[in-house]
PDB file of N, CA and C in Angstrom:
ATOM      1  N   UNK A   1      -1.507  -4.418  66.651  1.00  0.00           N
ATOM      2  CA  UNK A   1      -2.138  -4.106  67.921  1.00  0.00           C
ATOM      3  C   UNK A   1      -3.060  -5.242  68.380  1.00  0.00           C
ATOM      4  N   UNK A   2      -3.867  -5.777  67.476  1.00  0.00           N
ATOM      5  CA  UNK A   2      -4.846  -6.762  67.900  1.00  0.00           C
ATOM      6  C   UNK A   2      -4.192  -8.024  68.453  1.00  0.00           C
ATOM      7  N   UNK A   3      -3.053  -8.485  67.904  1.00  0.00           N
ATOM      8  CA  UNK A   3      -2.422  -9.696  68.390  1.00  0.00           C
ATOM      9  C   UNK A   3      -1.859  -9.543  69.794  1.00  0.00           C
ATOM     10  N   UNK A   4      -1.499  -8.332  70.187  1.00  0.00           N
ATOM     11  CA  UNK A   4      -1.000  -8.118  71.544  1.00  0.00           C
ATOM     12  C   UNK A   4      -2.116  -8.282  72.568  1.00  0.00           C
ATOM     13  N   UNK A   5      -3.350  -8.144  72.150  1.00  0.00           N
ATOM     14  CA  UNK A   5      -4.479  -8.309  73.063  1.00  0.00           C
ATOM     15  C   UNK A   5      -4.806  -9.777  73.309  1.00  0.00           C
ATOM     16  N   UNK A   6      -4.339 -10.654  72.435  1.00  0.00           N
ATOM     17  CA  UNK A   6      -4.659 -12.070  72.529  1.00  0.00           C
ATOM     18  C   UNK A   6      -3.581 -12.777  73.348  1.00  0.00           C
ATOM     19  N   UNK A   7      -3.947 -13.358  74.498  1.00  0.00           N
ATOM     20  CA  UNK A   7      -2.955 -14.097  75.292  1.00  0.00           C
ATOM     21  C   UNK A   7      -2.373 -15.260  74.500  1.00  0.00           C
ATOM     22  N   UNK A   8      -1.142 -15.610  74.781  1.00  0.00           N
ATOM     23  CA  UNK A   8      -0.459 -16.665  74.020  1.00  0.00           C
ATOM     24  C   UNK A   8      -0.919 -18.069  74.392  1.00  0.00           C
ATOM     25  N   UNK A   9      -1.594 -18.231  75.523  1.00  0.00           N
ATOM     26  CA  UNK A   9      -1.974 -19.565  75.987  1.00  0.00           C
ATOM     27  C   UNK A   9      -3.407 -19.962  75.643  1.00  0.00           C
ATOM     28  N   UNK A  10      -4.014 -19.322  74.657  1.00  0.00           N
ATOM     29  CA  UNK A  10      -5.384 -19.672  74.272  1.00  0.00           C
ATOM     30  C   UNK A  10      -5.370 -20.705  73.155  1.00  0.00           C
ATOM     31  N   UNK A  11      -6.465 -21.454  73.048  1.00  0.00           N
ATOM     32  CA  UNK A  11      -6.589 -22.430  71.965  1.00  0.00           C
ATOM     33  C   UNK A  11      -6.862 -21.701  70.655  1.00  0.00           C
ATOM     34  N   UNK A  12      -6.781 -22.424  69.567  1.00  0.00           N
ATOM     35  CA  UNK A  12      -7.050 -21.828  68.255  1.00  0.00           C
ATOM     36  C   UNK A  12      -8.476 -21.281  68.186  1.00  0.00           C
ATOM     37  N   UNK A  13      -9.444 -22.053  68.691  1.00  0.00           N
ATOM     38  CA  UNK A  13     -10.834 -21.605  68.665  1.00  0.00           C
ATOM     39  C   UNK A  13     -11.024 -20.361  69.538  1.00  0.00           C
ATOM     40  N   UNK A  14     -10.432 -20.361  70.733  1.00  0.00           N
ATOM     41  CA  UNK A  14     -10.528 -19.199  71.611  1.00  0.00           C
ATOM     42  C   UNK A  14      -9.907 -17.974  70.938  1.00  0.00           C
ATOM     43  N   UNK A  15      -8.785 -18.176  70.269  1.00  0.00           N
ATOM     44  CA  UNK A  15      -8.120 -17.079  69.570  1.00  0.00           C
ATOM     45  C   UNK A  15      -8.996 -16.469  68.495  1.00  0.00           C
ATOM     46  N   UNK A  16      -9.710 -17.302  67.753  1.00  0.00           N
ATOM     47  CA  UNK A  16     -10.614 -16.799  66.706  1.00  0.00           C
ATOM     48  C   UNK A  16     -11.730 -15.955  67.310  1.00  0.00           C
ATOM     49  N   UNK A  17     -12.267 -16.404  68.434  1.00  0.00           N
ATOM     50  CA  UNK A  17     -13.330 -15.647  69.100  1.00  0.00           C
ATOM     51  C   UNK A  17     -12.785 -14.321  69.605  1.00  0.00           C
ATOM     52  N   UNK A  18     -11.610 -14.343  70.221  1.00  0.00           N
ATOM     53  CA  UNK A  18     -11.017 -13.115  70.752  1.00  0.00           C
ATOM     54  C   UNK A  18     -10.699 -12.122  69.636  1.00  0.00           C
ATOM     55  N   UNK A  19     -10.185 -12.618  68.520  1.00  0.00           N
ATOM     56  CA  UNK A  19      -9.899 -11.726  67.384  1.00  0.00           C
ATOM     57  C   UNK A  19     -11.193 -11.104  66.858  1.00  0.00           C
ATOM     58  N   UNK A  20     -12.252 -11.912  66.801  1.00  0.00           N
ATOM     59  CA  UNK A  20     -13.551 -11.385  66.368  1.00  0.00           C
ATOM     60  C   UNK A  20     -13.993 -10.267  67.312  1.00  0.00           C
ATOM     61  N   UNK A  21     -13.836 -10.503  68.611  1.00  0.00           N
ATOM     62  CA  UNK A  21     -14.270  -9.525  69.606  1.00  0.00           C
ATOM     63  C   UNK A  21     -13.439  -8.243  69.563  1.00  0.00           C
ATOM     64  N   UNK A  22     -12.171  -8.342  69.234  1.00  0.00           N
ATOM     65  CA  UNK A  22     -11.337  -7.138  69.107  1.00  0.00           C
ATOM     66  C   UNK A  22     -11.926  -6.234  68.033  1.00  0.00           C
ATOM     67  N   UNK A  23     -12.416  -6.832  66.960  1.00  0.00           N
ATOM     68  CA  UNK A  23     -12.949  -6.063  65.835  1.00  0.00           C
ATOM     69  C   UNK A  23     -14.426  -5.716  65.954  1.00  0.00           C
ATOM     70  N   UNK A  24     -15.193  -6.514  66.696  1.00  0.00           N
ATOM     71  CA  UNK A  24     -16.650  -6.354  66.718  1.00  0.00           C
ATOM     72  C   UNK A  24     -17.258  -6.037  68.080  1.00  0.00           C
ATOM     73  N   UNK A  25     -16.476  -6.040  69.120  1.00  0.00           N
ATOM     74  CA  UNK A  25     -16.896  -5.681  70.497  1.00  0.00           C
ATOM     75  C   UNK A  25     -17.778  -6.710  71.188  1.00  0.00           C
ATOM     76  N   UNK A  26     -18.791  -7.275  70.525  1.00  0.00           N
ATOM     77  CA  UNK A  26     -19.635  -8.298  71.152  1.00  0.00           C
ATOM     78  C   UNK A  26     -19.855  -9.450  70.175  1.00  0.00           C
ATOM     79  N   UNK A  27     -20.249 -10.600  70.755  1.00  0.00           N
ATOM     80  CA  UNK A  27     -20.543 -11.774  69.934  1.00  0.00           C
ATOM     81  C   UNK A  27     -21.661 -12.563  70.593  1.00  0.00           C
ATOM     82  N   UNK A  28     -22.509 -13.172  69.777  1.00  0.00           N
ATOM     83  CA  UNK A  28     -23.576 -14.053  70.250  1.00  0.00           C
ATOM     84  C   UNK A  28     -23.128 -15.504  70.021  1.00  0.00           C
ATOM     85  N   UNK A  29     -23.705 -16.421  70.763  1.00  0.00           N
ATOM     86  CA  UNK A  29     -23.311 -17.820  70.623  1.00  0.00           C
ATOM     87  C   UNK A  29     -23.563 -18.335  69.204  1.00  0.00           C
ATOM     88  N   UNK A  30     -24.627 -17.873  68.573  1.00  0.00           N
ATOM     89  CA  UNK A  30     -24.931 -18.304  67.196  1.00  0.00           C
ATOM     90  C   UNK A  30     -23.806 -17.879  66.245  1.00  0.00           C
ATOM     91  N   UNK A  31     -23.243 -16.706  66.468  1.00  0.00           N
ATOM     92  CA  UNK A  31     -22.134 -16.230  65.642  1.00  0.00           C
ATOM     93  C   UNK A  31     -20.907 -17.105  65.852  1.00  0.00           C
ATOM     94  N   UNK A  32     -20.683 -17.529  67.101  1.00  0.00           N
ATOM     95  CA  UNK A  32     -19.555 -18.427  67.401  1.00  0.00           C
ATOM     96  C   UNK A  32     -19.739 -19.742  66.650  1.00  0.00           C
ATOM     97  N   UNK A  33     -20.955 -20.289  66.680  1.00  0.00           N
ATOM     98  CA  UNK A  33     -21.249 -21.533  65.951  1.00  0.00           C
ATOM     99  C   UNK A  33     -20.868 -21.398  64.479  1.00  0.00           C
ATOM    100  N   UNK A  34     -21.298 -20.291  63.869  1.00  0.00           N
ATOM    101  CA  UNK A  34     -21.045 -20.073  62.446  1.00  0.00           C
ATOM    102  C   UNK A  34     -19.572 -19.792  62.175  1.00  0.00           C
ATOM    103  N   UNK A  35     -18.935 -19.008  63.039  1.00  0.00           N
ATOM    104  CA  UNK A  35     -17.531 -18.641  62.873  1.00  0.00           C
ATOM    105  C   UNK A  35     -16.615 -19.865  62.922  1.00  0.00           C
ATOM    106  N   UNK A  36     -16.922 -20.774  63.850  1.00  0.00           N
ATOM    107  CA  UNK A  36     -16.056 -21.936  64.061  1.00  0.00           C
ATOM    108  C   UNK A  36     -16.583 -23.219  63.430  1.00  0.00           C
ATOM    109  N   UNK A  37     -17.832 -23.209  62.975  1.00  0.00           N
ATOM    110  CA  UNK A  37     -18.417 -24.417  62.386  1.00  0.00           C
ATOM    111  C   UNK A  37     -18.615 -25.516  63.418  1.00  0.00           C
ATOM    112  N   UNK A  38     -19.064 -25.129  64.620  1.00  0.00           N
ATOM    113  CA  UNK A  38     -19.273 -26.095  65.700  1.00  0.00           C
ATOM    114  C   UNK A  38     -20.734 -26.094  66.131  1.00  0.00           C
ATOM    115  N   UNK A  39     -21.101 -27.129  66.890  1.00  0.00           N
ATOM    116  CA  UNK A  39     -22.483 -27.267  67.338  1.00  0.00           C
ATOM    117  C   UNK A  39     -22.745 -26.418  68.577  1.00  0.00           C
ATOM    118  N   UNK A  40     -24.033 -26.246  68.874  1.00  0.00           N
ATOM    119  CA  UNK A  40     -24.464 -25.412  69.995  1.00  0.00           C
ATOM    120  C   UNK A  40     -23.872 -25.876  71.331  1.00  0.00           C
ATOM    121  N   UNK A  41     -23.837 -27.187  71.567  1.00  0.00           N
ATOM    122  CA  UNK A  41     -23.319 -27.693  72.845  1.00  0.00           C
ATOM    123  C   UNK A  41     -21.837 -27.368  73.014  1.00  0.00           C
ATOM    124  N   UNK A  42     -21.058 -27.529  71.959  1.00  0.00           N
ATOM    125  CA  UNK A  42     -19.625 -27.192  72.017  1.00  0.00           C
ATOM    126  C   UNK A  42     -19.440 -25.682  72.193  1.00  0.00           C
ATOM    127  N   UNK A  43     -20.292 -24.898  71.560  1.00  0.00           N
ATOM    128  CA  UNK A  43     -20.228 -23.446  71.687  1.00  0.00           C
ATOM    129  C   UNK A  43     -20.449 -23.029  73.131  1.00  0.00           C
ATOM    130  N   UNK A  44     -21.483 -23.572  73.767  1.00  0.00           N
ATOM    131  CA  UNK A  44     -21.767 -23.245  75.175  1.00  0.00           C
ATOM    132  C   UNK A  44     -20.582 -23.609  76.062  1.00  0.00           C
ATOM    133  N   UNK A  45     -20.031 -24.790  75.849  1.00  0.00           N
ATOM    134  CA  UNK A  45     -18.886 -25.264  76.635  1.00  0.00           C
ATOM    135  C   UNK A  45     -17.678 -24.334  76.456  1.00  0.00           C
ATOM    136  N   UNK A  46     -17.398 -23.976  75.229  1.00  0.00           N
ATOM    137  CA  UNK A  46     -16.255 -23.113  74.913  1.00  0.00           C
ATOM    138  C   UNK A  46     -16.415 -21.724  75.531  1.00  0.00           C
ATOM    139  N   UNK A  47     -17.584 -21.122  75.390  1.00  0.00           N
ATOM    140  CA  UNK A  47     -17.824 -19.796  75.946  1.00  0.00           C
ATOM    141  C   UNK A  47     -17.772 -19.816  77.473  1.00  0.00           C
ATOM    142  N   UNK A  48     -18.283 -20.884  78.076  1.00  0.00           N
ATOM    143  CA  UNK A  48     -18.232 -21.016  79.535  1.00  0.00           C
ATOM    144  C   UNK A  48     -16.780 -21.085  80.011  1.00  0.00           C
ATOM    145  N   UNK A  49     -15.959 -21.888  79.337  1.00  0.00           N
ATOM    146  CA  UNK A  49     -14.546 -22.008  79.708  1.00  0.00           C
ATOM    147  C   UNK A  49     -13.812 -20.683  79.538  1.00  0.00           C
ATOM    148  N   UNK A  50     -14.135 -19.962  78.471  1.00  0.00           N
ATOM    149  CA  UNK A  50     -13.497 -18.666  78.244  1.00  0.00           C
ATOM    150  C   UNK A  50     -13.877 -17.664  79.327  1.00  0.00           C
ATOM    151  N   UNK A  51     -15.123 -17.722  79.791  1.00  0.00           N
ATOM    152  CA  UNK A  51     -15.563 -16.843  80.880  1.00  0.00           C
ATOM    153  C   UNK A  51     -14.846 -17.223  82.182  1.00  0.00           C
ATOM    154  N   UNK A  52     -14.685 -18.523  82.417  1.00  0.00           N
ATOM    155  CA  UNK A  52     -13.980 -18.987  83.618  1.00  0.00           C
ATOM    156  C   UNK A  52     -12.512 -18.564  83.607  1.00  0.00           C
ATOM    157  N   UNK A  53     -11.922 -18.473  82.418  1.00  0.00           N
ATOM    158  CA  UNK A  53     -10.527 -18.026  82.278  1.00  0.00           C
ATOM    159  C   UNK A  53     -10.408 -16.503  82.323  1.00  0.00           C
ATOM    160  N   UNK A  54     -11.547 -15.828  82.477  1.00  0.00           N
ATOM    161  CA  UNK A  54     -11.600 -14.366  82.519  1.00  0.00           C
ATOM    162  C   UNK A  54     -11.165 -13.722  81.199  1.00  0.00           C
ATOM    163  N   UNK A  55     -11.450 -14.410  80.085  1.00  0.00           N
ATOM    164  CA  UNK A  55     -11.155 -13.862  78.759  1.00  0.00           C
ATOM    165  C   UNK A  55     -12.331 -13.038  78.247  1.00  0.00           C
ATOM    166  N   UNK A  56     -13.537 -13.511  78.559  1.00  0.00           N
ATOM    167  CA  UNK A  56     -14.753 -12.837  78.106  1.00  0.00           C
ATOM    168  C   UNK A  56     -15.719 -12.722  79.270  1.00  0.00           C
ATOM    169  N   UNK A  57     -16.704 -11.863  79.107  1.00  0.00           N
ATOM    170  CA  UNK A  57     -17.758 -11.712  80.100  1.00  0.00           C
ATOM    171  C   UNK A  57     -19.103 -11.812  79.388  1.00  0.00           C
ATOM    172  N   UNK A  58     -20.036 -12.501  80.050  1.00  0.00           N
ATOM    173  CA  UNK A  58     -21.379 -12.710  79.513  1.00  0.00           C
ATOM    174  C   UNK A  58     -22.285 -11.604  80.039  1.00  0.00           C
ATOM    175  N   UNK A  59     -23.136 -11.065  79.184  1.00  0.00           N
ATOM    176  CA  UNK A  59     -24.119 -10.085  79.639  1.00  0.00           C
ATOM    177  C   UNK A  59     -25.418 -10.259  78.878  1.00  0.00           C
ATOM    178  N   UNK A  60     -26.491  -9.775  79.481  1.00  0.00           N
ATOM    179  CA  UNK A  60     -27.813  -9.971  78.911  1.00  0.00           C
ATOM    180  C   UNK A  60     -28.431 -11.239  79.467  1.00  0.00           C
ATOM    181  N   UNK A  61     -29.626 -11.564  79.005  1.00  0.00           N
ATOM    182  CA  UNK A  61     -30.293 -12.780  79.462  1.00  0.00           C
ATOM    183  C   UNK A  61     -31.163 -13.346  78.354  1.00  0.00           C
ATOM    184  N   UNK A  62     -31.480 -14.608  78.498  1.00  0.00           N
ATOM    185  CA  UNK A  62     -32.336 -15.281  77.515  1.00  0.00           C
ATOM    186  C   UNK A  62     -31.734 -15.241  76.123  1.00  0.00           C
ATOM    187  N   UNK A  63     -32.539 -14.828  75.167  1.00  0.00           N
ATOM    188  CA  UNK A  63     -32.079 -14.782  73.770  1.00  0.00           C
ATOM    189  C   UNK A  63     -31.172 -13.588  73.510  1.00  0.00           C
ATOM    190  N   UNK A  64     -31.059 -12.701  74.476  1.00  0.00           N
ATOM    191  CA  UNK A  64     -30.239 -11.494  74.304  1.00  0.00           C
ATOM    192  C   UNK A  64     -28.844 -11.630  74.906  1.00  0.00           C
ATOM    193  N   UNK A  65     -28.407 -12.843  75.203  1.00  0.00           N
ATOM    194  CA  UNK A  65     -27.075 -13.032  75.783  1.00  0.00           C
ATOM    195  C   UNK A  65     -26.009 -12.711  74.741  1.00  0.00           C
ATOM    196  N   UNK A  66     -25.057 -11.907  75.149  1.00  0.00           N
ATOM    197  CA  UNK A  66     -23.899 -11.562  74.335  1.00  0.00           C
ATOM    198  C   UNK A  66     -22.654 -11.767  75.178  1.00  0.00           C
ATOM    199  N   UNK A  67     -21.527 -11.751  74.531  1.00  0.00           N
ATOM    200  CA  UNK A  67     -20.241 -11.870  75.209  1.00  0.00           C
ATOM    201  C   UNK A  67     -19.346 -10.746  74.718  1.00  0.00           C
ATOM    202  N   UNK A  68     -18.513 -10.237  75.608  1.00  0.00           N
ATOM    203  CA  UNK A  68     -17.549  -9.207  75.235  1.00  0.00           C
ATOM    204  C   UNK A  68     -16.233  -9.498  75.941  1.00  0.00           C
ATOM    205  N   UNK A  69     -15.180  -8.834  75.479  1.00  0.00           N
ATOM    206  CA  UNK A  69     -13.887  -8.999  76.107  1.00  0.00           C
ATOM    207  C   UNK A  69     -13.935  -8.477  77.534  1.00  0.00           C
ATOM    208  N   UNK A  70     -13.165  -9.096  78.405  1.00  0.00           N
ATOM    209  CA  UNK A  70     -13.079  -8.598  79.770  1.00  0.00           C
ATOM    210  C   UNK A  70     -12.207  -7.341  79.789  1.00  0.00           C
ATOM    211  N   UNK A  71     -12.308  -6.578  80.829  1.00  0.00           N
ATOM    212  CA  UNK A  71     -11.505  -5.379  80.990  1.00  0.00           C
ATOM    213  C   UNK A  71     -10.014  -5.748  80.993  1.00  0.00           C
ATOM    214  N   UNK A  72      -9.684  -6.922  81.546  1.00  0.00           N
ATOM    215  CA  UNK A  72      -8.288  -7.369  81.593  1.00  0.00           C
ATOM    216  C   UNK A  72      -7.690  -7.431  80.190  1.00  0.00           C
ATOM    217  N   UNK A  73      -8.446  -7.965  79.245  1.00  0.00           N
ATOM    218  CA  UNK A  73      -7.978  -8.082  77.860  1.00  0.00           C
ATOM    219  C   UNK A  73      -7.932  -6.717  77.189  1.00  0.00           C
ATOM    220  N   UNK A  74      -8.963  -5.921  77.359  1.00  0.00           N
ATOM    221  CA  UNK A  74      -9.023  -4.645  76.646  1.00  0.00           C
ATOM    222  C   UNK A  74      -7.993  -3.652  77.160  1.00  0.00           C
ATOM    223  N   UNK A  75      -7.523  -3.831  78.393  1.00  0.00           N
ATOM    224  CA  UNK A  75      -6.501  -2.938  78.955  1.00  0.00           C
ATOM    225  C   UNK A  75      -5.087  -3.407  78.651  1.00  0.00           C
ATOM    226  N   UNK A  76      -4.950  -4.597  78.074  1.00  0.00           N
ATOM    227  CA  UNK A  76      -3.608  -5.171  77.837  1.00  0.00           C
ATOM    228  C   UNK A  76      -2.777  -4.314  76.902  1.00  0.00           C
TER     229      UNK A  76
END
């Protein structure tokens, strides 16, 4: 079931984030850094691109920013 939710045109890093979100519902940028072993700047860039592709949605503000799957993905 979880693989059907992941679009086929995502990068390996995007796929890892999406799989995490299928199982955990939300993710923080710090978790992405640790999950992928990347720096904060790359994490911000990656999450921004994923939001632009309508894969994830950002919510909260300041230190409470989280990301979750978009309705498009969860309804797939």
